[in-house]
C-alpha atoms as a PDB file:
ATOM      1  CA  MET A   1      85.727 108.964  97.828  1.00  0.00           C
ATOM      2  CA  ALA A   2      84.651 105.909  96.253  1.00  0.00           C
ATOM      3  CA  PHE A   3      87.368 103.704  98.322  1.00  0.00           C
ATOM      4  CA  LYS A   4      86.917 103.182 102.404  1.00  0.00           C
ATOM      5  CA  PHE A   5      91.105 103.806 102.896  1.00  0.00           C
ATOM      6  CA  GLU A   6      90.147 106.815 101.215  1.00  0.00           C
ATOM      7  CA  LYS A   7      88.533 108.288 104.427  1.00  0.00           C
ATOM      8  CA  LEU A   8      90.609 107.388 107.156  1.00  0.00           C
ATOM      9  CA  ASN A   9      92.918 110.002 108.490  1.00  0.00           C
ATOM     10  CA  VAL A  10      95.652 107.436 109.424  1.00  0.00           C
ATOM     11  CA  TRP A  11      95.567 106.459 105.267  1.00  0.00           C
ATOM     12  CA  LYS A  12      96.179 110.418 104.325  1.00  0.00           C
ATOM     13  CA  ARG A  13      99.002 111.208 106.978  1.00  0.00           C
ATOM     14  CA  ALA A  14     100.263 108.141 105.723  1.00  0.00           C
ATOM     15  CA  VAL A  15     100.465 109.218 102.397  1.00  0.00           C
ATOM     16  CA  GLU A  16     101.815 112.752 103.555  1.00  0.00           C
ATOM     17  CA  LEU A  17     104.795 111.145 105.284  1.00  0.00           C
ATOM     18  CA  SER A  18     105.904 109.258 102.092  1.00  0.00           C
ATOM     19  CA  ASN A  19     105.907 112.539  99.682  1.00  0.00           C
ATOM     20  CA  GLN A  20     107.721 114.009 102.875  1.00  0.00           C
ATOM     21  CA  VAL A  21     110.034 110.934 103.116  1.00  0.00           C
ATOM     22  CA  ASP A  22     110.912 110.929  99.407  1.00  0.00           C
ATOM     23  CA  ILE A  23     111.550 114.900  99.993  1.00  0.00           C
ATOM     24  CA  LEU A  24     113.937 114.118 102.536  1.00  0.00           C
ATOM     25  CA  THR A  25     115.884 111.382 101.115  1.00  0.00           C
ATOM     26  CA  LYS A  26     116.485 113.134  97.654  1.00  0.00           C
ATOM     27  CA  LYS A  27     119.238 114.978  99.393  1.00  0.00           C
ATOM     28  CA  PHE A  28     121.405 111.462 100.497  1.00  0.00           C
ATOM     29  CA  PRO A  29     124.452 111.335  98.909  1.00  0.00           C
ATOM     30  CA  LYS A  30     124.331 109.027  95.526  1.00  0.00           C
ATOM     31  CA  GLU A  31     125.576 105.934  97.638  1.00  0.00           C
ATOM     32  CA  GLU A  32     122.732 105.767  99.774  1.00  0.00           C
ATOM     33  CA  VAL A  33     120.167 105.306  96.843  1.00  0.00           C
ATOM     34  CA  TYR A  34     120.219 101.361  96.450  1.00  0.00           C
ATOM     35  CA  ILE A  35     120.627 100.862 100.217  1.00  0.00           C
ATOM     36  CA  LEU A  36     119.176 103.935 102.675  1.00  0.00           C
ATOM     37  CA  THR A  37     117.209 105.943 100.658  1.00  0.00           C
ATOM     38  CA  SER A  38     115.701 102.648  99.007  1.00  0.00           C
ATOM     39  CA  GLN A  39     114.607 101.078 102.380  1.00  0.00           C
ATOM     40  CA  MET A  40     113.448 104.321 103.834  1.00  0.00           C
ATOM     41  CA  LYS A  41     111.242 105.108 100.277  1.00  0.00           C
ATOM     42  CA  ARG A  42     109.792 101.748 100.438  1.00  0.00           C
ATOM     43  CA  ALA A  43     108.883 101.256 104.628  1.00  0.00           C
ATOM     44  CA  ALA A  44     107.205 104.816 104.111  1.00  0.00           C
ATOM     45  CA  ASP A  45     105.274 103.717 101.287  1.00  0.00           C
ATOM     46  CA  SER A  46     104.600 100.066 102.412  1.00  0.00           C
ATOM     47  CA  ILE A  47     102.580 101.980 105.645  1.00  0.00           C
ATOM     48  CA  SER A  48      99.737 103.814 103.494  1.00  0.00           C
ATOM     49  CA  LEU A  49      99.986 100.722 100.679  1.00  0.00           C
ATOM     50  CA  ASN A  50      98.825  98.433 103.560  1.00  0.00           C
ATOM     51  CA  ILE A  51      96.775 100.766 105.157  1.00  0.00           C
ATOM     52  CA  ALA A  52      94.831 100.278 101.760  1.00  0.00           C
ATOM     53  CA  GLU A  53      95.076  96.675 101.441  1.00  0.00           C
ATOM     54  CA  GLY A  54      93.407  95.978 104.229  1.00  0.00           C
ATOM     55  CA  SER A  55      90.323  98.050 103.941  1.00  0.00           C
ATOM     56  CA  THR A  56      88.852  97.171 100.756  1.00  0.00           C
ATOM     57  CA  GLY A  57      86.776  93.795 100.865  1.00  0.00           C
ATOM     58  CA  GLN A  58      88.572  92.395 103.566  1.00  0.00           C
ATOM     59  CA  THR A  59      87.278  90.857 106.800  1.00  0.00           C
ATOM     60  CA  ASN A  60      88.446  92.896 110.535  1.00  0.00           C
ATOM     61  CA  LYS A  61      90.823  89.729 110.718  1.00  0.00           C
ATOM     62  CA  GLU A  62      92.449  90.729 107.310  1.00  0.00           C
ATOM     63  CA  PHE A  63      92.680  94.113 107.952  1.00  0.00           C
ATOM     64  CA  ASN A  64      94.460  93.571 111.501  1.00  0.00           C
ATOM     65  CA  ARG A  65      96.554  91.793 109.864  1.00  0.00           C
ATOM     66  CA  PHE A  66      97.588  94.199 107.370  1.00  0.00           C
ATOM     67  CA  LEU A  67      97.609  96.822 109.671  1.00  0.00           C
ATOM     68  CA  SER A  68     100.391  95.210 111.472  1.00  0.00           C
ATOM     69  CA  PHE A  69     101.992  95.074 108.399  1.00  0.00           C
ATOM     70  CA  ALA A  70     101.808  98.778 108.064  1.00  0.00           C
ATOM     71  CA  LEU A  71     102.728  99.336 111.887  1.00  0.00           C
ATOM     72  CA  ARG A  72     105.847  97.356 111.324  1.00  0.00           C
ATOM     73  CA  SER A  73     107.196  99.592 108.477  1.00  0.00           C
ATOM     74  CA  GLY A  74     106.338 102.342 110.186  1.00  0.00           C
ATOM     75  CA  ILE A  75     108.608 101.206 112.988  1.00  0.00           C
ATOM     76  CA  GLU A  76     111.322 100.026 110.101  1.00  0.00           C
ATOM     77  CA  VAL A  77     110.852 104.110 109.110  1.00  0.00           C
ATOM     78  CA  VAL A  78     111.821 104.666 112.585  1.00  0.00           C
ATOM     79  CA  THR A  79     115.206 102.972 112.576  1.00  0.00           C
ATOM     80  CA  CYS A  80     115.796 104.243 108.734  1.00  0.00           C
ATOM     81  CA  LEU A  81     115.885 107.678 110.858  1.00  0.00           C
ATOM     82  CA  TYR A  82     117.976 106.326 113.637  1.00  0.00           C
ATOM     83  CA  LEU A  83     120.205 105.329 110.469  1.00  0.00           C
ATOM     84  CA  ALA A  84     120.446 108.686 108.732  1.00  0.00           C
ATOM     85  CA  LYS A  85     120.650 110.379 111.873  1.00  0.00           C
ATOM     86  CA  GLY A  86     124.113 108.458 112.741  1.00  0.00           C
ATOM     87  CA  ARG A  87     125.462 108.289 109.059  1.00  0.00           C
ATOM     88  CA  ASN A  88     124.980 112.189 109.148  1.00  0.00           C
ATOM     89  CA  LEU A  89     122.351 112.696 106.352  1.00  0.00           C
ATOM     90  CA  ILE A  90     120.198 114.055 108.504  1.00  0.00           C
ATOM     91  CA  GLY A  91     119.844 117.057 111.365  1.00  0.00           C
ATOM     92  CA  GLU A  92     118.401 116.726 114.768  1.00  0.00           C
ATOM     93  CA  GLU A  93     115.562 119.336 113.247  1.00  0.00           C
ATOM     94  CA  GLU A  94     114.656 116.690 110.864  1.00  0.00           C
ATOM     95  CA  PHE A  95     114.827 113.937 113.267  1.00  0.00           C
ATOM     96  CA  VAL A  96     112.611 114.910 115.382  1.00  0.00           C
ATOM     97  CA  ARG A  97     110.042 116.094 112.951  1.00  0.00           C
ATOM     98  CA  PHE A  98     109.922 112.756 111.080  1.00  0.00           C
ATOM     99  CA  TYR A  99     110.107 110.557 114.408  1.00  0.00           C
ATOM    100  CA  ASP A 100     106.808 112.815 116.141  1.00  0.00           C
ATOM    101  CA  GLU A 101     105.035 112.026 112.741  1.00  0.00           C
ATOM    102  CA  LEU A 102     105.552 108.699 112.789  1.00  0.00           C
ATOM    103  CA  THR A 103     105.059 108.424 116.544  1.00  0.00           C
ATOM    104  CA  GLU A 104     101.293 109.676 115.824  1.00  0.00           C
ATOM    105  CA  ILE A 105     100.901 107.181 112.818  1.00  0.00           C
ATOM    106  CA  VAL A 106     101.534 104.130 114.854  1.00  0.00           C
ATOM    107  CA  LYS A 107      99.687 105.697 117.783  1.00  0.00           C
ATOM    108  CA  MET A 108      96.548 105.832 115.020  1.00  0.00           C
ATOM    109  CA  ILE A 109      97.269 102.516 113.692  1.00  0.00           C
ATOM    110  CA  GLN A 110      97.157 100.620 116.834  1.00  0.00           C
ATOM    111  CA  ALA A 111      94.160 102.616 118.021  1.00  0.00           C
ATOM    112  CA  LEU A 112      92.098 101.563 114.306  1.00  0.00           C
ATOM    113  CA  ARG A 113      93.315  97.680 114.899  1.00  0.00           C
ATOM    114  CA  ASN A 114      91.427  97.837 118.591  1.00  0.00           C
ATOM    115  CA  THR A 115      88.445  98.747 116.848  1.00  0.00           C
ATOM    116  CA  LEU A 116      88.588  96.345 114.733  1.00  0.00           C
ATOM    117  CA  LYS A 117      88.858  93.351 118.089  1.00  0.00           C
END
């Protein structure tokens, strides 16, 4: 592992979340492709992308800033879940599974931020 972020469990979980969101959104109807599907995938991808970008060659202050972006992206995915559930695109079981994973990822990001202060 050549990069600092590759050792971070939160980054690994965020990458896996992105892959799972990709699978989930492939079930969404075509009319959501440029709406909720796109938004949800970009927000999910942004979590791991910001963790990676902020961890490499940055000061702790700058890394903390990128972790803040990652945190916000996680919350954005949570809101996308509520929208998907409200539009009957996902069921309660899928909602809870993703919601619980996002809760853990957000907690992990916040814990990492706390180590940088």
